[in-house]
Protein backbone atom coordinates (compact mmCIF):
# COMPACT_ATOMS: atom_id res chain seq x y z
CA MET A 1 21.67 16.04 7.67
CA GLY A 2 22.29 14.81 11.18
CA LYS A 3 25.01 15.58 13.72
CA ASP A 4 26.98 12.39 13.04
CA GLU A 5 26.96 13.00 9.30
CA LEU A 6 28.28 16.54 9.79
CA LYS A 7 31.20 15.21 11.86
CA GLN A 8 32.26 13.02 8.95
CA LEU A 9 32.49 15.96 6.49
CA SER A 10 35.85 17.51 5.65
CA LYS A 11 36.64 21.17 6.27
CA ASN A 12 36.12 22.06 2.58
CA ASP A 13 32.77 20.27 2.53
CA LEU A 14 31.69 22.17 5.64
CA VAL A 15 32.68 25.48 4.06
CA ARG A 16 30.70 24.69 0.91
CA LEU A 17 27.70 23.67 3.02
CA VAL A 18 27.81 26.90 5.04
CA LEU A 19 28.11 29.01 1.87
CA SER A 20 25.13 27.26 0.25
CA MET A 21 23.06 27.73 3.41
CA GLN A 22 24.03 31.41 3.49
CA GLU A 23 22.88 31.85 -0.11
CA ARG A 24 19.55 30.17 0.71
CA LEU A 25 19.16 32.41 3.77
CA GLU A 26 19.75 35.58 1.73
CA ALA A 27 17.25 34.44 -0.90
CA LEU A 28 14.63 33.77 1.79
CA GLU A 29 15.25 37.18 3.41
CA LYS A 30 14.71 38.88 0.03
CA ARG A 31 11.44 36.98 -0.44
CA VAL A 32 10.25 38.04 3.00
CA ALA A 33 11.26 41.68 2.33
CA ARG A 34 9.32 41.69 -0.93
CA GLY A 35 6.27 40.51 0.96
CA ARG A 36 6.32 43.44 3.40
CA LYS A 37 7.66 46.48 1.57
CA ASP A 38 7.81 49.76 3.44
CA SER A 39 10.02 52.84 3.48
CA SER A 40 12.75 50.97 5.40
CA THR A 41 12.95 47.97 3.03
CA SER A 42 12.33 49.68 -0.31
CA SER A 43 12.24 53.00 -2.12
CA LYS A 44 8.61 53.60 -1.11
CA PRO A 45 8.01 57.00 0.54
CA PRO A 46 7.35 57.16 4.30
CA SER A 47 3.89 58.57 3.57
CA SER A 48 2.85 55.10 2.39
CA ASP A 49 3.60 53.77 5.89
CA ILE A 50 1.28 56.39 7.39
CA VAL A 51 -1.57 56.04 4.89
CA LYS A 52 -1.61 52.23 5.05
CA PRO A 53 0.06 51.10 8.29
CA PRO A 54 0.61 47.37 8.77
CA LYS A 55 -2.34 45.56 10.29
CA THR A 56 -1.74 44.33 13.82
CA LYS A 57 -3.46 41.23 15.12
CA PRO A 58 -5.59 41.76 18.24
CA LYS A 59 -3.98 40.58 21.46
CA GLY A 60 -5.67 37.93 23.52
CA ASP A 61 -9.09 36.52 22.85
CA ARG A 62 -10.83 39.66 21.68
CA LYS A 63 -14.40 39.05 20.61
CA LYS A 64 -15.63 40.30 17.28
CA ARG A 65 -17.61 43.49 17.75
CA LYS A 66 -21.25 43.54 16.83
CA ILE A 67 -22.58 45.20 13.70
CA GLY A 68 -23.83 48.77 14.19
CA GLY A 69 -23.04 51.53 16.65
CA GLN A 70 -20.60 50.60 19.40
CA PRO A 71 -21.02 51.46 23.10
CA GLY A 72 -20.02 55.07 23.72
CA HIS A 73 -20.27 56.03 20.05
CA LYS A 74 -21.82 59.46 19.57
CA ARG A 75 -25.10 59.32 17.70
CA HIS A 76 -25.21 61.07 14.33
CA GLU A 77 -28.47 62.08 12.67
CA HIS A 78 -28.95 63.68 9.27
CA LYS A 79 -29.88 67.35 9.25
CA PRO A 80 -33.45 68.09 8.16
CA ILE A 81 -33.98 69.64 4.75
CA PRO A 82 -34.65 73.40 5.12
CA PRO A 83 -38.29 74.58 4.74
CA GLU A 84 -37.62 76.44 1.47
CA ASP A 85 -36.61 73.14 -0.16
CA VAL A 86 -39.68 71.21 0.99
CA ASP A 87 -42.10 70.66 -1.91
CA ALA A 88 -45.18 69.55 0.05
CA ARG A 89 -46.20 69.79 3.68
CA TYR A 90 -48.94 67.85 5.46
CA GLU A 91 -50.27 68.36 9.00
CA TYR A 92 -52.17 65.77 11.00
CA SER A 93 -54.49 66.39 13.98
CA LEU A 94 -56.26 64.57 16.78
CA ASP A 95 -59.99 64.95 17.46
CA CYS A 96 -59.74 63.60 21.00
CA CYS A 97 -57.30 62.07 23.45
CA PRO A 98 -56.24 58.62 22.16
CA CYS A 99 -56.11 57.32 25.77
CA CYS A 100 -59.33 58.57 27.41
CA GLY A 101 -61.24 60.22 24.58
CA GLY A 102 -61.20 63.62 26.31
CA ILE A 103 -61.15 67.05 24.67
CA LEU A 104 -57.66 68.23 23.68
CA LYS A 105 -56.08 71.69 23.79
CA LYS A 106 -53.22 72.94 21.66
CA GLY A 107 -49.95 72.21 23.48
CA ASN A 108 -46.75 74.26 23.71
CA CYS A 109 -44.47 71.32 22.91
CA PRO A 110 -42.81 71.23 19.47
CA PRO A 111 -44.48 68.92 16.94
CA HIS A 112 -43.01 65.64 15.75
CA ARG A 113 -41.63 65.98 12.24
CA LYS A 114 -40.75 63.35 9.69
CA GLN A 115 -39.29 64.10 6.28
CA GLN A 116 -39.28 61.69 3.37
CA VAL A 117 -37.49 61.99 0.05
CA ASP A 118 -38.68 60.14 -3.04
CA LEU A 119 -38.37 60.30 -6.80
CA ALA A 120 -41.06 62.46 -8.37
CA GLY A 121 -42.48 60.09 -10.93
CA ARG A 122 -40.39 60.18 -14.07
CA SER A 123 -38.10 62.92 -12.63
CA VAL A 124 -37.56 64.53 -16.04
CA ARG A 125 -39.66 66.92 -18.09
CA VAL A 126 -39.97 66.28 -21.80
CA THR A 127 -41.05 69.26 -23.93
CA GLU A 128 -41.87 69.30 -27.61
CA HIS A 129 -41.55 72.42 -29.73
CA GLU A 130 -43.32 72.64 -33.05
CA ALA A 131 -42.70 75.13 -35.83
CA PRO A 132 -45.50 74.77 -38.43
CA GLY A 133 -44.70 74.97 -42.10
CA TYR A 134 -46.20 77.52 -44.51
CA TRP A 135 -46.54 77.79 -48.28
CA CYS A 136 -45.85 81.03 -50.08
CA PRO A 137 -47.71 81.10 -53.44
CA ARG A 138 -45.73 84.14 -54.51
CA CYS A 139 -42.30 82.61 -53.85
CA ARG A 140 -43.62 79.12 -54.45
CA SER A 141 -41.62 77.77 -51.52
CA HIS A 142 -42.11 76.42 -48.00
CA CYS A 143 -41.10 78.38 -44.92
CA PHE A 144 -41.22 77.50 -41.24
CA ALA A 145 -41.69 79.46 -38.03
CA GLU A 146 -38.48 80.06 -36.09
CA PHE A 147 -37.75 78.52 -32.72
CA PRO A 148 -37.01 80.98 -29.86
CA PRO A 149 -33.31 81.83 -29.43
CA GLU A 150 -33.20 80.33 -25.91
CA LEU A 151 -34.07 76.92 -27.38
CA THR A 152 -30.52 75.81 -28.11
CA GLY A 153 -28.78 72.48 -28.07
CA GLY A 154 -29.91 69.09 -29.22
CA PHE A 155 -31.96 66.32 -27.64
CA PHE A 156 -30.69 67.06 -24.10
CA ALA A 157 -31.16 70.48 -22.51
CA PRO A 158 -28.24 72.14 -20.64
CA ARG A 159 -29.06 70.73 -17.18
CA MET A 160 -29.44 67.22 -18.61
CA LYS A 161 -26.06 67.58 -20.32
CA ALA A 162 -24.53 68.75 -17.03
CA LEU A 163 -25.91 65.63 -15.31
CA VAL A 164 -24.35 63.35 -17.94
CA ALA A 165 -21.00 65.12 -17.57
CA TYR A 166 -21.25 64.80 -13.77
CA PHE A 167 -21.91 61.06 -14.07
CA LYS A 168 -18.87 60.66 -16.30
CA GLY A 169 -16.43 63.08 -14.65
CA ALA A 170 -17.27 62.96 -10.94
CA CYS A 171 -18.91 59.52 -10.61
CA HIS A 172 -16.59 57.78 -13.13
CA MET A 173 -19.51 55.93 -14.71
CA SER A 174 -19.02 54.23 -18.06
CA TYR A 175 -21.07 55.36 -21.04
CA THR A 176 -23.03 52.11 -21.02
CA THR A 177 -23.82 52.54 -17.31
CA ILE A 178 -25.04 56.11 -17.93
CA GLN A 179 -27.10 54.84 -20.84
CA LYS A 180 -28.71 52.16 -18.67
CA PHE A 181 -29.41 54.65 -15.86
CA LEU A 182 -31.18 57.06 -18.22
CA VAL A 183 -33.38 54.29 -19.60
CA ASP A 184 -34.16 52.54 -16.30
CA VAL A 185 -34.76 55.67 -14.17
CA PHE A 186 -35.85 58.39 -16.62
CA ARG A 187 -37.10 56.21 -19.52
CA VAL A 188 -34.98 58.35 -21.85
CA PRO A 189 -33.01 56.56 -24.59
CA ALA A 190 -29.60 57.87 -25.64
CA SER A 191 -26.82 56.28 -27.66
CA THR A 192 -23.30 56.01 -26.25
CA GLY A 193 -22.07 58.10 -29.19
CA TYR A 194 -24.40 60.96 -28.21
CA LEU A 195 -23.30 60.70 -24.57
CA THR A 196 -19.66 60.88 -25.68
CA LYS A 197 -20.42 64.02 -27.68
CA ILE A 198 -22.13 65.59 -24.65
CA VAL A 199 -19.08 65.01 -22.44
CA LEU A 200 -16.78 66.50 -25.09
CA ASP A 201 -19.06 69.53 -25.51
CA VAL A 202 -19.18 70.14 -21.74
CA GLY A 203 -15.39 69.85 -21.59
CA MET A 204 -15.05 72.47 -24.32
CA ALA A 205 -17.54 74.74 -22.52
CA LEU A 206 -15.48 74.50 -19.33
CA GLY A 207 -12.31 75.53 -21.15
CA VAL A 208 -12.70 79.27 -20.53
CA PRO A 209 -13.43 79.08 -16.76
CA TYR A 210 -10.64 76.52 -16.40
CA GLU A 211 -8.11 78.89 -17.98
CA GLU A 212 -9.39 81.72 -15.75
CA LEU A 213 -8.89 79.58 -12.65
CA LEU A 214 -5.46 78.42 -13.83
CA ALA A 215 -4.43 82.07 -14.24
CA VAL A 216 -5.04 82.87 -10.54
CA VAL A 217 -3.10 79.87 -9.18
CA PRO A 218 0.16 81.91 -8.87
CA ASP A 219 -1.69 84.35 -6.55
CA ALA A 220 -2.54 81.69 -3.94
CA PRO A 221 -0.94 82.37 -0.53
CA ILE A 222 -0.49 78.64 0.16
CA LEU A 223 -0.35 75.95 -2.51
CA ASN A 224 0.12 72.20 -2.12
CA VAL A 225 1.36 70.45 -5.26
CA ASP A 226 1.70 66.80 -6.18
CA GLU A 227 1.76 64.72 -9.34
CA THR A 228 0.90 61.16 -10.34
CA GLY A 229 1.61 59.25 -13.51
CA HIS A 230 -0.81 57.39 -15.76
CA LYS A 231 -1.10 56.21 -19.35
CA ASP A 232 -3.53 57.33 -22.02
CA ARG A 233 -3.60 55.16 -25.14
CA GLY A 234 -0.15 53.85 -24.33
CA LYS A 235 1.45 57.28 -23.79
CA LYS A 236 2.78 58.38 -20.40
CA TYR A 237 1.22 61.48 -18.82
CA TRP A 238 1.32 63.18 -15.44
CA THR A 239 -1.66 64.67 -13.64
CA TRP A 240 -0.51 67.65 -11.59
CA CYS A 241 -2.67 68.71 -8.64
CA PHE A 242 -2.50 72.33 -7.42
CA ARG A 243 -4.46 72.61 -4.15
CA ALA A 244 -5.21 76.14 -2.94
CA PRO A 245 -7.27 76.97 0.19
CA ASP A 246 -10.45 77.63 -1.85
CA TYR A 247 -10.05 75.53 -5.01
CA THR A 248 -8.15 72.72 -6.71
CA VAL A 249 -6.77 72.78 -10.26
CA PHE A 250 -5.60 69.72 -12.20
CA LYS A 251 -3.27 69.88 -15.17
CA ILE A 252 -2.38 66.91 -17.38
CA ASP A 253 1.05 67.17 -18.98
CA PRO A 254 3.51 64.73 -20.58
CA SER A 255 6.29 66.19 -18.41
CA ARG A 256 7.04 65.66 -14.73
CA GLY A 257 9.73 68.29 -14.72
CA THR A 258 10.21 71.80 -13.39
CA CYS A 259 8.94 73.25 -16.68
CA VAL A 260 5.34 72.52 -15.59
CA LEU A 261 5.85 74.45 -12.34
CA ARG A 262 7.32 77.40 -14.23
CA GLU A 263 4.46 77.32 -16.74
CA VAL A 264 1.73 77.35 -14.06
CA LEU A 265 3.37 79.32 -11.23
CA GLY A 266 5.84 81.51 -13.09
CA GLU A 267 9.55 81.85 -12.46
CA ALA A 268 9.09 82.59 -8.73
CA PHE A 269 6.02 81.64 -6.71
CA GLY A 270 5.20 84.31 -4.11
CA GLY A 271 3.35 82.09 -1.61
CA ILE A 272 4.33 79.01 0.35
CA LEU A 273 4.64 75.85 -1.73
CA GLY A 274 3.89 72.52 -0.05
CA ALA A 275 5.40 69.48 -1.78
CA ASP A 276 7.32 66.26 -1.31
CA TYR A 277 11.07 65.98 -1.80
CA TYR A 278 10.89 65.25 -5.54
CA SER A 279 13.74 66.83 -7.52
CA ALA A 280 11.44 69.07 -9.60
CA TYR A 281 10.35 70.99 -6.49
CA ARG A 282 13.90 71.24 -5.14
CA SER A 283 15.05 72.56 -8.51
CA TYR A 284 12.20 75.07 -8.67
CA MET A 285 12.62 76.49 -5.16
CA GLY A 286 15.99 78.14 -5.82
CA ASP A 287 16.62 81.14 -3.57
CA ASP A 288 13.30 82.98 -3.96
CA VAL A 289 10.60 80.29 -3.47
CA ARG A 290 9.58 79.20 0.01
CA VAL A 291 8.85 75.46 0.19
CA GLN A 292 7.39 73.43 3.05
CA PHE A 293 8.33 69.83 2.45
CA CYS A 294 5.79 67.16 3.38
CA MET A 295 6.27 66.05 6.99
CA ALA A 296 5.41 62.46 6.04
CA HIS A 297 8.55 62.39 3.87
CA ASN A 298 10.81 63.97 6.48
CA PRO A 299 11.51 60.85 8.64
CA ASN A 300 13.88 59.44 6.02
CA PHE A 301 15.93 62.64 6.04
CA LEU A 302 15.93 62.75 9.84
CA VAL A 303 16.99 59.11 10.19
CA MET A 304 19.96 59.39 7.83
CA PRO A 305 21.77 62.19 9.73
CA THR A 306 20.99 60.45 13.02
CA CYS A 307 22.56 57.21 11.81
CA GLY A 308 25.60 59.09 10.59
CA LEU A 309 25.96 60.91 13.93
CA ARG A 310 25.67 57.62 15.84
CA SER A 311 28.40 56.04 13.73
CA ALA A 312 30.65 59.05 14.24
CA LEU A 313 30.16 58.98 18.02
CA GLN A 314 30.95 55.26 18.15
CA ALA A 315 34.19 55.91 16.28
CA VAL A 316 35.39 58.44 18.90
CA PRO A 317 37.81 56.70 21.34
CA GLY A 318 36.90 56.71 25.04
């Protein structure tokens, strides 16, 4: 709409036009705010601004840096494997000087060393145990020799089971990926059902040490706690993380409330509890528990009193 057309509109038409433009402006501002959410435009915690700050475009005509180490970057080299972990050692010698062919003497300079790591063939050891069968004419029955008591478990020995559990728990590999790895690298077949049973068995075996570790959590001098939600088969659960100086304990619980803190830490935790400003921690602290709130969450609580103080000062006459 041009300037001349606006002059021809009545006052009521102009008011309706301004109101419609204001509604469009508010809708556009909301769309822009949704596109760049942070702690100032949404309920997101300030820690999210620190962990993932907004990307800033480079000023000027900055050239793309080359791949690899940059000028001034300190060189990092891997530490050599200690001698006790070296399986084989080879030493090479010179019969004469490679330049002039002269006789050489043993030098005082340290030798050049090069280590190389490789897979040792199949990388697994397959053993077969046989207990022959016997016939007793007197009893008229068959009997077999007994396997030694240390030969326990099924197809996989304990260390092989631990490796499968590590792949699943620490590396987050699927059962089919573990199955493919075992066949391609070790040439060992295993069904996904057997792998599932191994992971469950290892989890049951870790139950006792887990409970022992959970029992000493209340004795930690400093403990950082946080929780995150997730679903398991459609049901809502919370994974609680208790981080002590020397260990970390996770606890999965359907509750996000103070009852989990009381169950793990007792009625009054004797150390210093580090947490965010979630209501469960504020409810648990009471008068006896010392809590250090996360500094990344503090800006919001510092800004609010500052804004209130500024408004109060502006309201004072003179």
